[in-house]
Amino acid sequence: MTVQSDAPTHVRPEPAVETETRPWGSFERFTLNEASTVKIIHVAAGQRLSLQRHRDRDELWVALDPGAVFEVAGRRILPEVGERVFVRAGDTHRLASTGPAVRVMEIAFGRFDEDDIERLEDEYGRA
């Protein structure tokens, strides 16, 4: 594993997603008693977010719809619905849609601040 010099000195283990069974079915627990931020990201048909990275947070992405594209640290991933990908602080990453609009659940671990986005490429002219 290559560690970038601007990456945080702490290394967070990938979160364990636990499944618990109940008489009525089951649930998956993504976090338990820890600081996290949860978002559902809606990517419009055929669009993609900027190629970016964050210094102060890790992210866990879960594909909620077919057609999502995850780009993480130079890898292009076409996830199945429910598939999870962990993005470490400092990794370059972006979300996209191959066709129809898609939703991705993002769980961020660490200090969350929308202003910490370092955009490396952006189709919408943002810095």
Protein backbone atom coordinates (compact mmCIF):
# COMPACT_ATOMS: atom_id res chain seq x y z
CA MET A 1 0.00 0.00 0.00
CA THR A 2 1.29 3.45 -0.91
CA VAL A 3 0.80 6.15 1.70
CA GLN A 4 0.63 9.72 0.40
CA SER A 5 2.47 12.35 2.38
CA ASP A 6 -0.68 14.48 2.73
CA ALA A 7 -2.69 11.55 4.12
CA PRO A 8 -3.54 11.58 7.84
CA THR A 9 -1.15 9.81 10.18
CA HIS A 10 -3.95 7.68 11.68
CA VAL A 11 -5.13 4.59 9.87
CA ARG A 12 -8.77 3.73 10.46
CA PRO A 13 -9.68 0.08 9.96
CA GLU A 14 -12.35 -0.53 7.36
CA PRO A 15 -15.69 -0.48 9.21
CA ALA A 16 -17.23 -3.85 9.93
CA VAL A 17 -20.78 -4.03 8.63
CA GLU A 18 -22.67 -6.34 10.94
CA THR A 19 -25.86 -8.18 10.05
CA GLU A 20 -28.31 -9.14 12.76
CA THR A 21 -31.24 -11.48 12.25
CA ARG A 22 -34.64 -10.94 13.82
CA PRO A 23 -37.87 -12.94 13.55
CA TRP A 24 -39.15 -10.42 10.99
CA GLY A 25 -35.97 -10.41 8.85
CA SER A 26 -32.62 -8.69 9.42
CA PHE A 27 -30.73 -5.39 9.40
CA GLU A 28 -27.24 -4.24 8.58
CA ARG A 29 -25.50 -1.90 11.02
CA PHE A 30 -22.90 0.34 9.39
CA THR A 31 -21.89 2.40 12.43
CA LEU A 32 -22.34 2.03 16.16
CA ASN A 33 -21.68 4.84 18.62
CA GLU A 34 -19.11 6.66 16.51
CA ALA A 35 -18.95 10.01 14.79
CA SER A 36 -20.09 9.64 11.20
CA THR A 37 -22.03 11.52 8.54
CA VAL A 38 -24.51 9.67 6.32
CA LYS A 39 -25.67 10.99 2.95
CA ILE A 40 -27.64 9.62 0.02
CA ILE A 41 -26.00 11.03 -3.11
CA HIS A 42 -28.19 11.33 -6.22
CA VAL A 43 -26.22 11.33 -9.46
CA ALA A 44 -28.25 12.52 -12.46
CA ALA A 45 -28.41 10.37 -15.60
CA GLY A 46 -25.06 10.27 -17.40
CA GLN A 47 -23.36 12.69 -14.95
CA ARG A 48 -20.32 12.39 -12.70
CA LEU A 49 -18.90 14.18 -9.71
CA SER A 50 -15.48 15.82 -9.71
CA LEU A 51 -12.38 13.69 -9.29
CA GLN A 52 -11.46 14.62 -5.73
CA ARG A 53 -9.87 13.66 -2.45
CA HIS A 54 -10.25 14.51 1.24
CA ARG A 55 -7.58 14.76 3.89
CA ASP A 56 -9.65 14.35 7.05
CA ARG A 57 -12.20 11.63 6.36
CA ASP A 58 -12.68 8.10 5.07
CA GLU A 59 -15.86 7.13 3.21
CA LEU A 60 -17.84 3.94 2.79
CA TRP A 61 -19.95 3.86 -0.38
CA VAL A 62 -22.91 1.55 -0.92
CA ALA A 63 -24.53 1.29 -4.36
CA LEU A 64 -28.32 1.64 -4.07
CA ASP A 65 -29.18 1.45 -7.79
CA PRO A 66 -27.78 -0.37 -10.83
CA GLY A 67 -25.63 1.73 -13.16
CA ALA A 68 -23.39 3.42 -10.59
CA VAL A 69 -19.69 3.80 -11.29
CA PHE A 70 -17.14 4.11 -8.47
CA GLU A 71 -13.68 5.43 -9.32
CA VAL A 72 -11.30 4.93 -6.39
CA ALA A 73 -7.52 5.32 -6.42
CA GLY A 74 -7.34 4.75 -10.16
CA ARG A 75 -9.70 1.75 -10.19
CA ARG A 76 -13.03 1.80 -12.05
CA ILE A 77 -15.66 -0.30 -10.25
CA LEU A 78 -19.11 -1.18 -11.58
CA PRO A 79 -20.79 -2.21 -8.33
CA GLU A 80 -23.79 -4.45 -7.94
CA VAL A 81 -26.66 -3.05 -5.87
CA GLY A 82 -25.62 -3.36 -2.22
CA GLU A 83 -21.90 -3.63 -2.99
CA ARG A 84 -19.64 -1.62 -0.69
CA VAL A 85 -16.37 0.17 -1.37
CA PHE A 86 -14.19 1.82 1.26
CA VAL A 87 -12.42 5.05 0.28
CA ARG A 88 -9.47 5.97 2.50
CA ALA A 89 -8.58 9.59 3.25
CA GLY A 90 -6.22 10.80 0.53
CA ASP A 91 -7.53 8.40 -2.16
CA THR A 92 -8.69 10.03 -5.39
CA HIS A 93 -12.33 9.19 -6.02
CA ARG A 94 -15.49 10.07 -7.94
CA LEU A 95 -19.02 8.78 -8.48
CA ALA A 96 -20.78 8.57 -11.84
CA SER A 97 -23.85 7.17 -13.56
CA THR A 98 -23.55 5.06 -16.72
CA GLY A 99 -27.08 5.87 -17.82
CA PRO A 100 -30.09 6.34 -15.56
CA ALA A 101 -29.93 8.39 -12.38
CA VAL A 102 -28.40 6.48 -9.45
CA ARG A 103 -28.23 6.78 -5.68
CA VAL A 104 -25.22 5.97 -3.51
CA MET A 105 -25.20 5.91 0.28
CA GLU A 106 -22.06 7.56 1.64
CA ILE A 107 -20.98 7.12 5.25
CA ALA A 108 -18.12 9.45 6.15
CA PHE A 109 -15.84 8.73 9.11
CA GLY A 110 -13.73 11.48 10.64
CA ARG A 111 -14.00 15.26 10.48
CA PHE A 112 -16.67 16.12 7.92
CA ASP A 113 -16.46 19.43 6.10
CA GLU A 114 -17.71 20.00 2.53
CA ASP A 115 -14.99 22.65 2.14
CA ASP A 116 -12.18 20.07 2.44
CA ILE A 117 -12.78 18.82 -1.13
CA GLU A 118 -9.64 19.03 -3.24
CA ARG A 119 -10.93 18.87 -6.83
CA LEU A 120 -8.46 17.41 -9.32
CA GLU A 121 -10.84 17.38 -12.33
CA ASP A 122 -14.25 18.97 -12.65
CA GLU A 123 -16.55 19.17 -15.67
CA TYR A 124 -18.55 22.05 -14.16
CA GLY A 125 -15.70 24.58 -13.79
CA ARG A 126 -15.44 24.42 -10.01
CA ALA A 127 -12.08 24.79 -8.27
